[in-house]
Amino acid sequence: ITAIGSSDSHLQVMENPDRISKAVLQRGLDAQTAFEIVSIDIADIDVGENIGARLQADQAEADMRVARAKAEERRALATAREQEMKAQVARNRAQVVLAEAEVPLAIANAFCEGNLAVQ
């Protein structure tokens, strides 16, 4: 099994199944036992789920969810900022209207005080 796990691809092991035998014999799995491994017969190789690929896919999915959450947070902040700016524009327009309303009164006061003359 470590021969499969240490290979770059399961295809390498399927192309050369004696890698498993060599790995078992090199590790000395029969050391300190009453038995000696003479040969290993590989009758069948079943390719199961690639755990590493699944973990990478799960991590990518988690990263995608985090990125989407951050993007949604930025969108919500931008929307809130837009509403704040619209409110500020409305306040500024109201101040302009109030200032424009004071202009005729200021002109009348200037006439009364003699600071403004018509020629």
PDB file of N, CA and C in Angstrom:
ATOM      1  N   ILE A   1       0.825  -1.187   0.000  1.00  0.00           N
ATOM      2  CA  ILE A   1       0.000   0.000   0.000  1.00  0.00           C
ATOM      3  C   ILE A   1       0.872   1.255   0.000  1.00  0.00           C
ATOM      4  N   THR A   2       1.975   1.249   0.736  1.00  0.00           N
ATOM      5  CA  THR A   2       2.830   2.431   0.702  1.00  0.00           C
ATOM      6  C   THR A   2       3.455   2.606  -0.665  1.00  0.00           C
ATOM      7  N   ALA A   3       3.610   1.524  -1.399  1.00  0.00           N
ATOM      8  CA  ALA A   3       4.140   1.647  -2.763  1.00  0.00           C
ATOM      9  C   ALA A   3       3.161   2.437  -3.620  1.00  0.00           C
ATOM     10  N   ILE A   4       1.880   2.224  -3.386  1.00  0.00           N
ATOM     11  CA  ILE A   4       0.871   2.967  -4.140  1.00  0.00           C
ATOM     12  C   ILE A   4       0.836   4.416  -3.658  1.00  0.00           C
ATOM     13  N   GLY A   5       0.852   4.593  -2.347  1.00  0.00           N
ATOM     14  CA  GLY A   5       0.771   5.940  -1.794  1.00  0.00           C
ATOM     15  C   GLY A   5       1.975   6.797  -2.117  1.00  0.00           C
ATOM     16  N   SER A   6       3.141   6.185  -2.265  1.00  0.00           N
ATOM     17  CA  SER A   6       4.339   6.972  -2.545  1.00  0.00           C
ATOM     18  C   SER A   6       4.557   7.186  -4.033  1.00  0.00           C
ATOM     19  N   SER A   7       3.720   6.598  -4.859  1.00  0.00           N
ATOM     20  CA  SER A   7       3.834   6.788  -6.304  1.00  0.00           C
ATOM     21  C   SER A   7       3.150   8.088  -6.699  1.00  0.00           C
ATOM     22  N   ASP A   8       3.606   8.646  -7.812  1.00  0.00           N
ATOM     23  CA  ASP A   8       2.985   9.873  -8.299  1.00  0.00           C
ATOM     24  C   ASP A   8       1.565   9.621  -8.777  1.00  0.00           C
ATOM     25  N   SER A   9       1.319   8.417  -9.290  1.00  0.00           N
ATOM     26  CA  SER A   9       0.015   8.081  -9.830  1.00  0.00           C
ATOM     27  C   SER A   9      -0.237   6.592  -9.625  1.00  0.00           C
ATOM     28  N   HIS A  10      -1.498   6.225  -9.452  1.00  0.00           N
ATOM     29  CA  HIS A  10      -1.819   4.804  -9.315  1.00  0.00           C
ATOM     30  C   HIS A  10      -1.512   4.046 -10.602  1.00  0.00           C
ATOM     31  N   LEU A  11      -1.450   4.784 -11.699  1.00  0.00           N
ATOM     32  CA  LEU A  11      -1.145   4.137 -12.980  1.00  0.00           C
ATOM     33  C   LEU A  11       0.262   3.554 -12.985  1.00  0.00           C
ATOM     34  N   GLN A  12       1.192   4.203 -12.278  1.00  0.00           N
ATOM     35  CA  GLN A  12       2.554   3.675 -12.207  1.00  0.00           C
ATOM     36  C   GLN A  12       2.564   2.307 -11.539  1.00  0.00           C
ATOM     37  N   VAL A  13       1.776   2.141 -10.502  1.00  0.00           N
ATOM     38  CA  VAL A  13       1.719   0.855  -9.804  1.00  0.00           C
ATOM     39  C   VAL A  13       1.006  -0.179 -10.665  1.00  0.00           C
ATOM     40  N   MET A  14      -0.041   0.238 -11.364  1.00  0.00           N
ATOM     41  CA  MET A  14      -0.753  -0.712 -12.218  1.00  0.00           C
ATOM     42  C   MET A  14       0.113  -1.157 -13.391  1.00  0.00           C
ATOM     43  N   GLU A  15       0.975  -0.272 -13.888  1.00  0.00           N
ATOM     44  CA  GLU A  15       1.876  -0.644 -14.970  1.00  0.00           C
ATOM     45  C   GLU A  15       2.970  -1.578 -14.476  1.00  0.00           C
ATOM     46  N   ASN A  16       3.362  -1.429 -13.215  1.00  0.00           N
ATOM     47  CA  ASN A  16       4.471  -2.201 -12.676  1.00  0.00           C
ATOM     48  C   ASN A  16       4.107  -2.692 -11.271  1.00  0.00           C
ATOM     49  N   PRO A  17       3.266  -3.750 -11.159  1.00  0.00           N
ATOM     50  CA  PRO A  17       2.787  -4.207  -9.854  1.00  0.00           C
ATOM     51  C   PRO A  17       3.884  -4.754  -8.943  1.00  0.00           C
ATOM     52  N   ASP A  18       5.027  -5.130  -9.505  1.00  0.00           N
ATOM     53  CA  ASP A  18       6.073  -5.671  -8.636  1.00  0.00           C
ATOM     54  C   ASP A  18       6.671  -4.591  -7.733  1.00  0.00           C
ATOM     55  N   ARG A  19       6.291  -3.336  -7.922  1.00  0.00           N
ATOM     56  CA  ARG A  19       6.705  -2.273  -6.992  1.00  0.00           C
ATOM     57  C   ARG A  19       6.199  -2.584  -5.584  1.00  0.00           C
ATOM     58  N   ILE A  20       4.995  -3.138  -5.502  1.00  0.00           N
ATOM     59  CA  ILE A  20       4.432  -3.491  -4.198  1.00  0.00           C
ATOM     60  C   ILE A  20       5.292  -4.563  -3.552  1.00  0.00           C
ATOM     61  N   SER A  21       5.639  -5.600  -4.317  1.00  0.00           N
ATOM     62  CA  SER A  21       6.473  -6.684  -3.790  1.00  0.00           C
ATOM     63  C   SER A  21       7.819  -6.151  -3.330  1.00  0.00           C
ATOM     64  N   LYS A  22       8.437  -5.318  -4.145  1.00  0.00           N
ATOM     65  CA  LYS A  22       9.747  -4.763  -3.791  1.00  0.00           C
ATOM     66  C   LYS A  22       9.655  -3.923  -2.522  1.00  0.00           C
ATOM     67  N   ALA A  23       8.603  -3.143  -2.387  1.00  0.00           N
ATOM     68  CA  ALA A  23       8.438  -2.300  -1.202  1.00  0.00           C
ATOM     69  C   ALA A  23       8.282  -3.150   0.051  1.00  0.00           C
ATOM     70  N   VAL A  24       7.517  -4.243  -0.039  1.00  0.00           N
ATOM     71  CA  VAL A  24       7.317  -5.130   1.112  1.00  0.00           C
ATOM     72  C   VAL A  24       8.631  -5.793   1.494  1.00  0.00           C
ATOM     73  N   LEU A  25       9.368  -6.293   0.509  1.00  0.00           N
ATOM     74  CA  LEU A  25      10.624  -6.980   0.799  1.00  0.00           C
ATOM     75  C   LEU A  25      11.688  -6.012   1.321  1.00  0.00           C
ATOM     76  N   GLN A  26      11.723  -4.802   0.805  1.00  0.00           N
ATOM     77  CA  GLN A  26      12.708  -3.824   1.271  1.00  0.00           C
ATOM     78  C   GLN A  26      12.439  -3.390   2.712  1.00  0.00           C
ATOM     79  N   ARG A  27      11.213  -3.339   3.103  1.00  0.00           N
ATOM     80  CA  ARG A  27      10.875  -2.904   4.461  1.00  0.00           C
ATOM     81  C   ARG A  27      11.152  -3.990   5.494  1.00  0.00           C
ATOM     82  N   GLY A  28      11.360  -5.191   5.038  1.00  0.00           N
ATOM     83  CA  GLY A  28      11.646  -6.271   5.973  1.00  0.00           C
ATOM     84  C   GLY A  28      10.486  -6.550   6.904  1.00  0.00           C
ATOM     85  N   LEU A  29       9.301  -6.667   6.328  1.00  0.00           N
ATOM     86  CA  LEU A  29       8.112  -6.896   7.149  1.00  0.00           C
ATOM     87  C   LEU A  29       8.126  -8.261   7.837  1.00  0.00           C
ATOM     88  N   ASP A  30       9.001  -9.140   7.381  1.00  0.00           N
ATOM     89  CA  ASP A  30       9.088 -10.458   8.012  1.00  0.00           C
ATOM     90  C   ASP A  30      10.150 -10.495   9.104  1.00  0.00           C
ATOM     91  N   ALA A  31      10.796  -9.395   9.382  1.00  0.00           N
ATOM     92  CA  ALA A  31      11.836  -9.360  10.412  1.00  0.00           C
ATOM     93  C   ALA A  31      11.229  -9.628  11.780  1.00  0.00           C
ATOM     94  N   GLN A  32      11.954 -10.319  12.604  1.00  0.00           N
ATOM     95  CA  GLN A  32      11.566 -10.677  13.966  1.00  0.00           C
ATOM     96  C   GLN A  32      10.242 -11.433  14.011  1.00  0.00           C
ATOM     97  N   THR A  33      10.023 -12.248  13.009  1.00  0.00           N
ATOM     98  CA  THR A  33       8.865 -13.149  13.009  1.00  0.00           C
ATOM     99  C   THR A  33       9.378 -14.550  12.729  1.00  0.00           C
ATOM    100  N   ALA A  34       8.529 -15.522  12.915  1.00  0.00           N
ATOM    101  CA  ALA A  34       8.912 -16.910  12.645  1.00  0.00           C
ATOM    102  C   ALA A  34       8.755 -17.242  11.171  1.00  0.00           C
ATOM    103  N   PHE A  35       8.356 -16.265  10.372  1.00  0.00           N
ATOM    104  CA  PHE A  35       8.094 -16.521   8.965  1.00  0.00           C
ATOM    105  C   PHE A  35       9.049 -15.721   8.099  1.00  0.00           C
ATOM    106  N   GLU A  36       9.180 -16.197   6.874  1.00  0.00           N
ATOM    107  CA  GLU A  36       9.982 -15.487   5.886  1.00  0.00           C
ATOM    108  C   GLU A  36       9.130 -15.292   4.646  1.00  0.00           C
ATOM    109  N   ILE A  37       9.101 -14.064   4.139  1.00  0.00           N
ATOM    110  CA  ILE A  37       8.342 -13.796   2.920  1.00  0.00           C
ATOM    111  C   ILE A  37       9.189 -14.252   1.750  1.00  0.00           C
ATOM    112  N   VAL A  38       8.671 -15.237   1.041  1.00  0.00           N
ATOM    113  CA  VAL A  38       9.399 -15.783  -0.102  1.00  0.00           C
ATOM    114  C   VAL A  38       8.960 -15.092  -1.383  1.00  0.00           C
ATOM    115  N   SER A  39       7.663 -14.934  -1.533  1.00  0.00           N
ATOM    116  CA  SER A  39       7.153 -14.252  -2.720  1.00  0.00           C
ATOM    117  C   SER A  39       5.799 -13.632  -2.389  1.00  0.00           C
ATOM    118  N   ILE A  40       5.428 -12.702  -3.217  1.00  0.00           N
ATOM    119  CA  ILE A  40       4.137 -12.039  -3.049  1.00  0.00           C
ATOM    120  C   ILE A  40       3.402 -12.155  -4.369  1.00  0.00           C
ATOM    121  N   ASP A  41       2.210 -12.718  -4.302  1.00  0.00           N
ATOM    122  CA  ASP A  41       1.376 -12.821  -5.496  1.00  0.00           C
ATOM    123  C   ASP A  41       0.309 -11.729  -5.431  1.00  0.00           C
ATOM    124  N   ILE A  42       0.263 -10.925  -6.465  1.00  0.00           N
ATOM    125  CA  ILE A  42      -0.747  -9.872  -6.542  1.00  0.00           C
ATOM    126  C   ILE A  42      -1.810 -10.356  -7.509  1.00  0.00           C
ATOM    127  N   ALA A  43      -2.957 -10.725  -6.962  1.00  0.00           N
ATOM    128  CA  ALA A  43      -4.017 -11.287  -7.787  1.00  0.00           C
ATOM    129  C   ALA A  43      -4.864 -10.197  -8.431  1.00  0.00           C
ATOM    130  N   ASP A  44      -5.059  -9.116  -7.730  1.00  0.00           N
ATOM    131  CA  ASP A  44      -5.965  -8.093  -8.231  1.00  0.00           C
ATOM    132  C   ASP A  44      -5.587  -6.748  -7.617  1.00  0.00           C
ATOM    133  N   ILE A  45      -5.721  -5.712  -8.410  1.00  0.00           N
ATOM    134  CA  ILE A  45      -5.512  -4.354  -7.908  1.00  0.00           C
ATOM    135  C   ILE A  45      -6.801  -3.589  -8.152  1.00  0.00           C
ATOM    136  N   ASP A  46      -7.420  -3.157  -7.072  1.00  0.00           N
ATOM    137  CA  ASP A  46      -8.620  -2.330  -7.167  1.00  0.00           C
ATOM    138  C   ASP A  46      -8.216  -0.894  -6.875  1.00  0.00           C
ATOM    139  N   VAL A  47      -8.582  -0.013  -7.773  1.00  0.00           N
ATOM    140  CA  VAL A  47      -8.299   1.402  -7.565  1.00  0.00           C
ATOM    141  C   VAL A  47      -9.494   2.000  -6.839  1.00  0.00           C
ATOM    142  N   GLY A  48      -9.252   2.428  -5.627  1.00  0.00           N
ATOM    143  CA  GLY A  48     -10.320   3.014  -4.818  1.00  0.00           C
ATOM    144  C   GLY A  48     -10.343   4.518  -4.951  1.00  0.00           C
ATOM    145  N   GLU A  49     -10.932   5.134  -3.966  1.00  0.00           N
ATOM    146  CA  GLU A  49     -11.063   6.591  -3.973  1.00  0.00           C
ATOM    147  C   GLU A  49      -9.709   7.235  -3.686  1.00  0.00           C
ATOM    148  N   ASN A  50      -9.428   8.290  -4.405  1.00  0.00           N
ATOM    149  CA  ASN A  50      -8.188   9.038  -4.199  1.00  0.00           C
ATOM    150  C   ASN A  50      -8.433  10.033  -3.065  1.00  0.00           C
ATOM    151  N   ILE A  51      -7.974   9.659  -1.878  1.00  0.00           N
ATOM    152  CA  ILE A  51      -8.220  10.473  -0.689  1.00  0.00           C
ATOM    153  C   ILE A  51      -7.560  11.843  -0.819  1.00  0.00           C
ATOM    154  N   GLY A  52      -6.339  11.855  -1.345  1.00  0.00           N
ATOM    155  CA  GLY A  52      -5.630  13.130  -1.507  1.00  0.00           C
ATOM    156  C   GLY A  52      -6.390  14.089  -2.403  1.00  0.00           C
ATOM    157  N   ALA A  53      -6.899  13.569  -3.510  1.00  0.00           N
ATOM    158  CA  ALA A  53      -7.656  14.416  -4.440  1.00  0.00           C
ATOM    159  C   ALA A  53      -8.950  14.893  -3.786  1.00  0.00           C
ATOM    160  N   ARG A  54      -9.591  14.003  -3.018  1.00  0.00           N
ATOM    161  CA  ARG A  54     -10.826  14.400  -2.340  1.00  0.00           C
ATOM    162  C   ARG A  54     -10.555  15.496  -1.311  1.00  0.00           C
ATOM    163  N   LEU A  55      -9.453  15.358  -0.568  1.00  0.00           N
ATOM    164  CA  LEU A  55      -9.104  16.384   0.413  1.00  0.00           C
ATOM    165  C   LEU A  55      -8.806  17.714  -0.268  1.00  0.00           C
ATOM    166  N   GLN A  56      -8.114  17.660  -1.408  1.00  0.00           N
ATOM    167  CA  GLN A  56      -7.836  18.890  -2.151  1.00  0.00           C
ATOM    168  C   GLN A  56      -9.131  19.526  -2.653  1.00  0.00           C
ATOM    169  N   ALA A  57     -10.041  18.692  -3.142  1.00  0.00           N
ATOM    170  CA  ALA A  57     -11.322  19.213  -3.628  1.00  0.00           C
ATOM    171  C   ALA A  57     -12.127  19.824  -2.481  1.00  0.00           C
ATOM    172  N   ASP A  58     -12.114  19.151  -1.321  1.00  0.00           N
ATOM    173  CA  ASP A  58     -12.820  19.689  -0.153  1.00  0.00           C
ATOM    174  C   ASP A  58     -12.216  21.019   0.285  1.00  0.00           C
ATOM    175  N   GLN A  59     -10.879  21.099   0.266  1.00  0.00           N
ATOM    176  CA  GLN A  59     -10.210  22.349   0.648  1.00  0.00           C
ATOM    177  C   GLN A  59     -10.542  23.456  -0.346  1.00  0.00           C
ATOM    178  N   ALA A  60     -10.556  23.106  -1.635  1.00  0.00           N
ATOM    179  CA  ALA A  60     -10.893  24.102  -2.658  1.00  0.00           C
ATOM    180  C   ALA A  60     -12.325  24.593  -2.473  1.00  0.00           C
ATOM    181  N   GLU A  61     -13.228  23.681  -2.139  1.00  0.00           N
ATOM    182  CA  GLU A  61     -14.625  24.062  -1.897  1.00  0.00           C
ATOM    183  C   GLU A  61     -14.729  24.975  -0.675  1.00  0.00           C
ATOM    184  N   ALA A  62     -13.993  24.642   0.383  1.00  0.00           N
ATOM    185  CA  ALA A  62     -14.001  25.488   1.579  1.00  0.00           C
ATOM    186  C   ALA A  62     -13.428  26.868   1.264  1.00  0.00           C
ATOM    187  N   ASP A  63     -12.341  26.903   0.503  1.00  0.00           N
ATOM    188  CA  ASP A  63     -11.751  28.187   0.111  1.00  0.00           C
ATOM    189  C   ASP A  63     -12.736  29.001  -0.723  1.00  0.00           C
ATOM    190  N   MET A  64     -13.479  28.312  -1.594  1.00  0.00           N
ATOM    191  CA  MET A  64     -14.465  28.996  -2.434  1.00  0.00           C
ATOM    192  C   MET A  64     -15.571  29.595  -1.569  1.00  0.00           C
ATOM    193  N   ARG A  65     -16.030  28.841  -0.562  1.00  0.00           N
ATOM    194  CA  ARG A  65     -17.074  29.357   0.324  1.00  0.00           C
ATOM    195  C   ARG A  65     -16.576  30.579   1.105  1.00  0.00           C
ATOM    196  N   VAL A  66     -15.328  30.522   1.560  1.00  0.00           N
ATOM    197  CA  VAL A  66     -14.755  31.661   2.286  1.00  0.00           C
ATOM    198  C   VAL A  66     -14.672  32.874   1.365  1.00  0.00           C
ATOM    199  N   ALA A  67     -14.206  32.655   0.133  1.00  0.00           N
ATOM    200  CA  ALA A  67     -14.083  33.763  -0.826  1.00  0.00           C
ATOM    201  C   ALA A  67     -15.451  34.360  -1.143  1.00  0.00           C
ATOM    202  N   ARG A  68     -16.458  33.503  -1.296  1.00  0.00           N
ATOM    203  CA  ARG A  68     -17.807  34.008  -1.566  1.00  0.00           C
ATOM    204  C   ARG A  68     -18.345  34.806  -0.384  1.00  0.00           C
ATOM    205  N   ALA A  69     -18.078  34.318   0.826  1.00  0.00           N
ATOM    206  CA  ALA A  69     -18.543  35.037   2.016  1.00  0.00           C
ATOM    207  C   ALA A  69     -17.875  36.403   2.111  1.00  0.00           C
ATOM    208  N   LYS A  70     -16.580  36.452   1.825  1.00  0.00           N
ATOM    209  CA  LYS A  70     -15.874  37.737   1.861  1.00  0.00           C
ATOM    210  C   LYS A  70     -16.389  38.668   0.769  1.00  0.00           C
ATOM    211  N   ALA A  71     -16.661  38.118  -0.405  1.00  0.00           N
ATOM    212  CA  ALA A  71     -17.203  38.941  -1.495  1.00  0.00           C
ATOM    213  C   ALA A  71     -18.580  39.479  -1.120  1.00  0.00           C
ATOM    214  N   GLU A  72     -19.397  38.653  -0.492  1.00  0.00           N
ATOM    215  CA  GLU A  72     -20.727  39.098  -0.056  1.00  0.00           C
ATOM    216  C   GLU A  72     -20.600  40.190   1.008  1.00  0.00           C
ATOM    217  N   GLU A  73     -19.632  40.031   1.897  1.00  0.00           N
ATOM    218  CA  GLU A  73     -19.403  41.050   2.922  1.00  0.00           C
ATOM    219  C   GLU A  73     -18.999  42.380   2.275  1.00  0.00           C
ATOM    220  N   ARG A  74     -18.089  42.309   1.294  1.00  0.00           N
ATOM    221  CA  ARG A  74     -17.671  43.536   0.603  1.00  0.00           C
ATOM    222  C   ARG A  74     -18.840  44.162  -0.155  1.00  0.00           C
ATOM    223  N   ARG A  75     -19.687  43.326  -0.767  1.00  0.00           N
ATOM    224  CA  ARG A  75     -20.846  43.846  -1.486  1.00  0.00           C
ATOM    225  C   ARG A  75     -21.800  44.543  -0.519  1.00  0.00           C
ATOM    226  N   ALA A  76     -22.037  43.932   0.635  1.00  0.00           N
ATOM    227  CA  ALA A  76     -22.933  44.534   1.623  1.00  0.00           C
ATOM    228  C   ALA A  76     -22.365  45.858   2.133  1.00  0.00           C
ATOM    229  N   LEU A  77     -21.057  45.902   2.366  1.00  0.00           N
ATOM    230  CA  LEU A  77     -20.435  47.154   2.809  1.00  0.00           C
ATOM    231  C   LEU A  77     -20.545  48.231   1.735  1.00  0.00           C
ATOM    232  N   ALA A  78     -20.357  47.833   0.480  1.00  0.00           N
ATOM    233  CA  ALA A  78     -20.466  48.801  -0.619  1.00  0.00           C
ATOM    234  C   ALA A  78     -21.892  49.330  -0.731  1.00  0.00           C
ATOM    235  N   THR A  79     -22.877  48.457  -0.564  1.00  0.00           N
ATOM    236  CA  THR A  79     -24.279  48.882  -0.620  1.00  0.00           C
ATOM    237  C   THR A  79     -24.591  49.837   0.531  1.00  0.00           C
ATOM    238  N   ALA A  80     -24.094  49.515   1.718  1.00  0.00           N
ATOM    239  CA  ALA A  80     -24.318  50.400   2.868  1.00  0.00           C
ATOM    240  C   ALA A  80     -23.655  51.756   2.637  1.00  0.00           C
ATOM    241  N   ARG A  81     -22.448  51.739   2.101  1.00  0.00           N
ATOM    242  CA  ARG A  81     -21.741  53.002   1.819  1.00  0.00           C
ATOM    243  C   ARG A  81     -22.498  53.827   0.780  1.00  0.00           C
ATOM    244  N   GLU A  82     -23.042  53.139  -0.227  1.00  0.00           N
ATOM    245  CA  GLU A  82     -23.825  53.835  -1.254  1.00  0.00           C
ATOM    246  C   GLU A  82     -25.035  54.524  -0.626  1.00  0.00           C
ATOM    247  N   GLN A  83     -25.726  53.835   0.271  1.00  0.00           N
ATOM    248  CA  GLN A  83     -26.891  54.424   0.934  1.00  0.00           C
ATOM    249  C   GLN A  83     -26.483  55.611   1.812  1.00  0.00           C
ATOM    250  N   GLU A  84     -25.332  55.486   2.485  1.00  0.00           N
ATOM    251  CA  GLU A  84     -24.840  56.607   3.295  1.00  0.00           C
ATOM    252  C   GLU A  84     -24.564  57.826   2.417  1.00  0.00           C
ATOM    253  N   MET A  85     -23.976  57.594   1.265  1.00  0.00           N
ATOM    254  CA  MET A  85     -23.659  58.702   0.358  1.00  0.00           C
ATOM    255  C   MET A  85     -24.936  59.336  -0.202  1.00  0.00           C
ATOM    256  N   LYS A  86     -25.956  58.522  -0.491  1.00  0.00           N
ATOM    257  CA  LYS A  86     -27.234  59.068  -0.960  1.00  0.00           C
ATOM    258  C   LYS A  86     -27.870  59.935   0.120  1.00  0.00           C
ATOM    259  N   ALA A  87     -27.777  59.492   1.367  1.00  0.00           N
ATOM    260  CA  ALA A  87     -28.324  60.282   2.475  1.00  0.00           C
ATOM    261  C   ALA A  87     -27.555  61.591   2.622  1.00  0.00           C
ATOM    262  N   GLN A  88     -26.239  61.543   2.461  1.00  0.00           N
ATOM    263  CA  GLN A  88     -25.422  62.760   2.548  1.00  0.00           C
ATOM    264  C   GLN A  88     -25.786  63.737   1.436  1.00  0.00           C
ATOM    265  N   VAL A  89     -26.016  63.225   0.220  1.00  0.00           N
ATOM    266  CA  VAL A  89     -26.434  64.079  -0.900  1.00  0.00           C
ATOM    267  C   VAL A  89     -27.765  64.748  -0.575  1.00  0.00           C
ATOM    268  N   ALA A  90     -28.702  64.001  -0.008  1.00  0.00           N
ATOM    269  CA  ALA A  90     -30.007  64.573   0.347  1.00  0.00           C
ATOM    270  C   ALA A  90     -29.848  65.662   1.407  1.00  0.00           C
ATOM    271  N   ARG A  91     -28.991  65.431   2.410  1.00  0.00           N
ATOM    272  CA  ARG A  91     -28.746  66.455   3.435  1.00  0.00           C
ATOM    273  C   ARG A  91     -28.137  67.713   2.812  1.00  0.00           C
ATOM    274  N   ASN A  92     -27.181  67.517   1.919  1.00  0.00           N
ATOM    275  CA  ASN A  92     -26.537  68.670   1.265  1.00  0.00           C
ATOM    276  C   ASN A  92     -27.533  69.455   0.412  1.00  0.00           C
ATOM    277  N   ARG A  93     -28.415  68.749  -0.298  1.00  0.00           N
ATOM    278  CA  ARG A  93     -29.435  69.440  -1.102  1.00  0.00           C
ATOM    279  C   ARG A  93     -30.366  70.248  -0.206  1.00  0.00           C
ATOM    280  N   ALA A  94     -30.718  69.685   0.936  1.00  0.00           N
ATOM    281  CA  ALA A  94     -31.589  70.402   1.875  1.00  0.00           C
ATOM    282  C   ALA A  94     -30.901  71.663   2.384  1.00  0.00           C
ATOM    283  N   GLN A  95     -29.612  71.583   2.652  1.00  0.00           N
ATOM    284  CA  GLN A  95     -28.875  72.767   3.105  1.00  0.00           C
ATOM    285  C   GLN A  95     -28.816  73.829   2.012  1.00  0.00           C
ATOM    286  N   VAL A  96     -28.672  73.398   0.752  1.00  0.00           N
ATOM    287  CA  VAL A  96     -28.667  74.347  -0.369  1.00  0.00           C
ATOM    288  C   VAL A  96     -30.017  75.052  -0.456  1.00  0.00           C
ATOM    289  N   VAL A  97     -31.104  74.300  -0.339  1.00  0.00           N
ATOM    290  CA  VAL A  97     -32.445  74.896  -0.405  1.00  0.00           C
ATOM    291  C   VAL A  97     -32.629  75.903   0.729  1.00  0.00           C
ATOM    292  N   LEU A  98     -32.181  75.562   1.934  1.00  0.00           N
ATOM    293  CA  LEU A  98     -32.286  76.498   3.062  1.00  0.00           C
ATOM    294  C   LEU A  98     -31.454  77.755   2.814  1.00  0.00           C
ATOM    295  N   ALA A  99     -30.264  77.578   2.270  1.00  0.00           N
ATOM    296  CA  ALA A  99     -29.407  78.740   1.984  1.00  0.00           C
ATOM    297  C   ALA A  99     -30.022  79.608   0.898  1.00  0.00           C
ATOM    298  N   GLU A 100     -30.616  78.989  -0.131  1.00  0.00           N
ATOM    299  CA  GLU A 100     -31.263  79.756  -1.203  1.00  0.00           C
ATOM    300  C   GLU A 100     -32.467  80.526  -0.665  1.00  0.00           C
ATOM    301  N   ALA A 101     -33.145  79.963   0.329  1.00  0.00           N
ATOM    302  CA  ALA A 101     -34.312  80.640   0.907  1.00  0.00           C
ATOM    303  C   ALA A 101     -33.900  81.881   1.684  1.00  0.00           C
ATOM    304  N   GLU A 102     -32.684  81.939   2.184  1.00  0.00           N
ATOM    305  CA  GLU A 102     -32.214  83.094   2.948  1.00  0.00           C
ATOM    306  C   GLU A 102     -31.736  84.235   2.052  1.00  0.00           C
ATOM    307  N   VAL A 103     -31.519  83.997   0.771  1.00  0.00           N
ATOM    308  CA  VAL A 103     -31.003  85.028  -0.142  1.00  0.00           C
ATOM    309  C   VAL A 103     -31.964  86.211  -0.255  1.00  0.00           C
ATOM    310  N   PRO A 104     -33.259  86.023  -0.518  1.00  0.00           N
ATOM    311  CA  PRO A 104     -34.155  87.193  -0.619  1.00  0.00           C
ATOM    312  C   PRO A 104     -34.205  88.010   0.671  1.00  0.00           C
ATOM    313  N   LEU A 105     -34.169  87.332   1.818  1.00  0.00           N
ATOM    314  CA  LEU A 105     -34.173  88.039   3.100  1.00  0.00           C
ATOM    315  C   LEU A 105     -32.899  88.866   3.265  1.00  0.00           C
ATOM    316  N   ALA A 106     -31.785  88.332   2.860  1.00  0.00           N
ATOM    317  CA  ALA A 106     -30.513  89.062   2.956  1.00  0.00           C
ATOM    318  C   ALA A 106     -30.515  90.269   2.028  1.00  0.00           C
ATOM    319  N   ILE A 107     -31.086  90.121   0.834  1.00  0.00           N
ATOM    320  CA  ILE A 107     -31.178  91.259  -0.100  1.00  0.00           C
ATOM    321  C   ILE A 107     -32.071  92.348   0.497  1.00  0.00           C
ATOM    322  N   ALA A 108     -33.189  91.959   1.094  1.00  0.00           N
ATOM    323  CA  ALA A 108     -34.108  92.932   1.706  1.00  0.00           C
ATOM    324  C   ALA A 108     -33.428  93.662   2.854  1.00  0.00           C
ATOM    325  N   ASN A 109     -32.704  92.954   3.680  1.00  0.00           N
ATOM    326  CA  ASN A 109     -31.977  93.587   4.790  1.00  0.00           C
ATOM    327  C   ASN A 109     -30.919  94.557   4.265  1.00  0.00           C
ATOM    328  N   ALA A 110     -30.254  94.187   3.193  1.00  0.00           N
ATOM    329  CA  ALA A 110     -29.221  95.058   2.613  1.00  0.00           C
ATOM    330  C   ALA A 110     -29.852  96.351   2.103  1.00  0.00           C
ATOM    331  N   PHE A 111     -31.041  96.273   1.463  1.00  0.00           N
ATOM    332  CA  PHE A 111     -31.746  97.487   1.013  1.00  0.00           C
ATOM    333  C   PHE A 111     -32.105  98.366   2.199  1.00  0.00           C
ATOM    334  N   CYS A 112     -32.654  97.739   3.232  1.00  0.00           N
ATOM    335  CA  CYS A 112     -33.099  98.501   4.406  1.00  0.00           C
ATOM    336  C   CYS A 112     -31.938  99.203   5.098  1.00  0.00           C
ATOM    337  N   GLU A 113     -30.804  98.575   5.140  1.00  0.00           N
ATOM    338  CA  GLU A 113     -29.641  99.145   5.824  1.00  0.00           C
ATOM    339  C   GLU A 113     -28.851 100.086   4.920  1.00  0.00           C
ATOM    340  N   GLY A 114     -29.219 100.167   3.672  1.00  0.00           N
ATOM    341  CA  GLY A 114     -28.542 101.055   2.745  1.00  0.00           C
ATOM    342  C   GLY A 114     -27.242 100.495   2.201  1.00  0.00           C
ATOM    343  N   ASN A 115     -27.044  99.232   2.347  1.00  0.00           N
ATOM    344  CA  ASN A 115     -25.827  98.604   1.830  1.00  0.00           C
ATOM    345  C   ASN A 115     -25.977  98.179   0.374  1.00  0.00           C
ATOM    346  N   LEU A 116     -27.175  98.232  -0.126  1.00  0.00           N
ATOM    347  CA  LEU A 116     -27.422  97.810  -1.504  1.00  0.00           C
ATOM    348  C   LEU A 116     -28.287  98.869  -2.155  1.00  0.00           C
ATOM    349  N   ALA A 117     -27.857  99.357  -3.291  1.00  0.00           N
ATOM    350  CA  ALA A 117     -28.617 100.409  -3.975  1.00  0.00           C
ATOM    351  C   ALA A 117     -28.881  99.973  -5.400  1.00  0.00           C
ATOM    352  N   VAL A 118     -29.989 100.470  -5.944  1.00  0.00           N
ATOM    353  CA  VAL A 118     -30.345 100.178  -7.320  1.00  0.00           C
ATOM    354  C   VAL A 118     -29.958 101.387  -8.144  1.00  0.00           C
ATOM    355  N   GLN A 119     -29.265 101.220  -9.229  1.00  0.00           N
ATOM    356  CA  GLN A 119     -28.828 102.362 -10.042  1.00  0.00           C
ATOM    357  C   GLN A 119     -29.465 102.360 -11.390  1.00  0.00           C
TER     358      GLN A 119
END
